[in-house]
Amino acid sequence: MVETRTRAETIELLRRWIRAAHPTPPEEFADDVDLIESRLLSSLQLVEFLLYIEELSGRPVLSEDLRPDQMRTLARIYASFFQEAAR
């Protein structure tokens, strides 16, 4: 069973994962920072991050349904993978 979390709690868990995976993690970054352009996530880390999103959401992320814009920011990730489950 997947825990019910608020938007803020979910985004903080995602942010902590990124900080832990980054060699020189920033102390803070906003929900709308582009994770790719800012180099907070590498292409290899994106795969691991998708697996973490699946774990948190309790739902598979299907490659055929995945669009690059869904992974650009924490806000978009939440909207794409968690918002429906929170309703």
C-alpha atoms as a PDB file:
ATOM      1  CA  MET A   1       0.000   0.000   0.000  1.00  0.00           C
ATOM      2  CA  VAL A   2       1.303   3.456  -0.963  1.00  0.00           C
ATOM      3  CA  GLU A   3       1.311   6.166   1.666  1.00  0.00           C
ATOM      4  CA  THR A   4      -0.795   9.236   1.129  1.00  0.00           C
ATOM      5  CA  ARG A   5       1.451  12.288   1.103  1.00  0.00           C
ATOM      6  CA  THR A   6       0.885  15.973   0.559  1.00  0.00           C
ATOM      7  CA  ARG A   7       2.379  17.742  -2.438  1.00  0.00           C
ATOM      8  CA  ALA A   8       5.013  19.357  -0.206  1.00  0.00           C
ATOM      9  CA  GLU A   9       5.981  16.021   1.377  1.00  0.00           C
ATOM     10  CA  THR A  10       6.267  14.292  -1.998  1.00  0.00           C
ATOM     11  CA  ILE A  11       8.347  17.068  -3.533  1.00  0.00           C
ATOM     12  CA  GLU A  12      10.634  17.104  -0.494  1.00  0.00           C
ATOM     13  CA  LEU A  13      11.236  13.344  -0.872  1.00  0.00           C
ATOM     14  CA  LEU A  14      12.077  13.863  -4.563  1.00  0.00           C
ATOM     15  CA  ARG A  15      14.357  16.786  -3.676  1.00  0.00           C
ATOM     16  CA  ARG A  16      16.181  14.669  -1.056  1.00  0.00           C
ATOM     17  CA  TRP A  17      16.747  11.910  -3.625  1.00  0.00           C
ATOM     18  CA  ILE A  18      18.264  14.416  -6.061  1.00  0.00           C
ATOM     19  CA  ARG A  19      20.501  15.890  -3.364  1.00  0.00           C
ATOM     20  CA  ALA A  20      21.703  12.408  -2.363  1.00  0.00           C
ATOM     21  CA  ALA A  21      22.438  11.480  -5.998  1.00  0.00           C
ATOM     22  CA  HIS A  22      24.236  14.728  -6.878  1.00  0.00           C
ATOM     23  CA  PRO A  23      28.019  14.916  -6.329  1.00  0.00           C
ATOM     24  CA  THR A  24      27.794  18.531  -5.133  1.00  0.00           C
ATOM     25  CA  PRO A  25      24.179  18.975  -4.090  1.00  0.00           C
ATOM     26  CA  PRO A  26      22.727  22.443  -3.801  1.00  0.00           C
ATOM     27  CA  GLU A  27      21.229  23.328  -0.437  1.00  0.00           C
ATOM     28  CA  GLU A  28      17.991  24.533  -1.993  1.00  0.00           C
ATOM     29  CA  PHE A  29      16.398  24.588  -5.407  1.00  0.00           C
ATOM     30  CA  ALA A  30      12.904  25.653  -6.362  1.00  0.00           C
ATOM     31  CA  ASP A  31      10.149  23.383  -7.626  1.00  0.00           C
ATOM     32  CA  ASP A  32      10.391  25.016 -11.062  1.00  0.00           C
ATOM     33  CA  VAL A  33      14.166  24.659 -11.595  1.00  0.00           C
ATOM     34  CA  ASP A  34      14.912  22.729 -14.776  1.00  0.00           C
ATOM     35  CA  LEU A  35      16.563  19.569 -13.446  1.00  0.00           C
ATOM     36  CA  ILE A  36      18.218  18.757 -16.774  1.00  0.00           C
ATOM     37  CA  GLU A  37      19.521  22.189 -17.778  1.00  0.00           C
ATOM     38  CA  SER A  38      20.802  22.880 -14.263  1.00  0.00           C
ATOM     39  CA  ARG A  39      22.539  19.479 -14.368  1.00  0.00           C
ATOM     40  CA  LEU A  40      20.934  18.356 -11.134  1.00  0.00           C
ATOM     41  CA  LEU A  41      20.204  15.048 -12.888  1.00  0.00           C
ATOM     42  CA  SER A  42      22.301  13.275 -15.481  1.00  0.00           C
ATOM     43  CA  SER A  43      20.793  11.031 -18.127  1.00  0.00           C
ATOM     44  CA  LEU A  44      21.855   7.956 -16.142  1.00  0.00           C
ATOM     45  CA  GLN A  45      20.377   9.343 -12.930  1.00  0.00           C
ATOM     46  CA  LEU A  46      17.088   9.944 -14.722  1.00  0.00           C
ATOM     47  CA  VAL A  47      16.576   6.200 -15.078  1.00  0.00           C
ATOM     48  CA  GLU A  48      17.181   5.649 -11.365  1.00  0.00           C
ATOM     49  CA  PHE A  49      14.971   8.622 -10.554  1.00  0.00           C
ATOM     50  CA  LEU A  50      12.139   7.138 -12.625  1.00  0.00           C
ATOM     51  CA  LEU A  51      12.403   3.950 -10.589  1.00  0.00           C
ATOM     52  CA  TYR A  52      12.174   6.035  -7.415  1.00  0.00           C
ATOM     53  CA  ILE A  53       9.097   7.828  -8.792  1.00  0.00           C
ATOM     54  CA  GLU A  54       7.511   4.434  -9.447  1.00  0.00           C
ATOM     55  CA  GLU A  55       8.290   3.366  -5.897  1.00  0.00           C
ATOM     56  CA  LEU A  56       6.834   6.545  -4.372  1.00  0.00           C
ATOM     57  CA  SER A  57       3.746   6.633  -6.575  1.00  0.00           C
ATOM     58  CA  GLY A  58       3.062   2.916  -6.412  1.00  0.00           C
ATOM     59  CA  ARG A  59       2.434   2.913 -10.161  1.00  0.00           C
ATOM     60  CA  PRO A  60       4.621   1.967 -13.112  1.00  0.00           C
ATOM     61  CA  VAL A  61       5.986   4.701 -15.350  1.00  0.00           C
ATOM     62  CA  LEU A  62       5.453   3.347 -18.846  1.00  0.00           C
ATOM     63  CA  SER A  63       8.049   4.425 -21.386  1.00  0.00           C
ATOM     64  CA  GLU A  64       5.433   4.779 -24.120  1.00  0.00           C
ATOM     65  CA  ASP A  65       3.534   7.302 -21.977  1.00  0.00           C
ATOM     66  CA  LEU A  66       6.613   9.242 -20.853  1.00  0.00           C
ATOM     67  CA  ARG A  67       7.305  12.691 -22.309  1.00  0.00           C
ATOM     68  CA  PRO A  68      10.562  14.589 -21.659  1.00  0.00           C
ATOM     69  CA  ASP A  69       8.712  17.691 -20.443  1.00  0.00           C
ATOM     70  CA  GLN A  70       7.231  15.647 -17.568  1.00  0.00           C
ATOM     71  CA  MET A  71      10.696  15.256 -16.048  1.00  0.00           C
ATOM     72  CA  ARG A  72      11.964  18.841 -16.304  1.00  0.00           C
ATOM     73  CA  THR A  73      10.970  20.184 -12.880  1.00  0.00           C
ATOM     74  CA  LEU A  74       9.768  18.884  -9.544  1.00  0.00           C
ATOM     75  CA  ALA A  75       6.453  20.675 -10.099  1.00  0.00           C
ATOM     76  CA  ARG A  76       5.921  18.902 -13.447  1.00  0.00           C
ATOM     77  CA  ILE A  77       6.960  15.557 -11.995  1.00  0.00           C
ATOM     78  CA  TYR A  78       4.416  15.946  -9.212  1.00  0.00           C
ATOM     79  CA  ALA A  79       1.668  16.971 -11.649  1.00  0.00           C
ATOM     80  CA  SER A  80       2.463  14.097 -14.004  1.00  0.00           C
ATOM     81  CA  PHE A  81       2.940  11.231 -11.576  1.00  0.00           C
ATOM     82  CA  PHE A  82       1.416  12.101  -8.208  1.00  0.00           C
ATOM     83  CA  GLN A  83      -1.367  14.655  -8.555  1.00  0.00           C
ATOM     84  CA  GLU A  84      -4.018  12.203  -9.764  1.00  0.00           C
ATOM     85  CA  ALA A  85      -3.180   9.755  -6.982  1.00  0.00           C
ATOM     86  CA  ALA A  86      -3.601  12.544  -4.395  1.00  0.00           C
ATOM     87  CA  ARG A  87      -7.185  13.228  -5.481  1.00  0.00           C
END
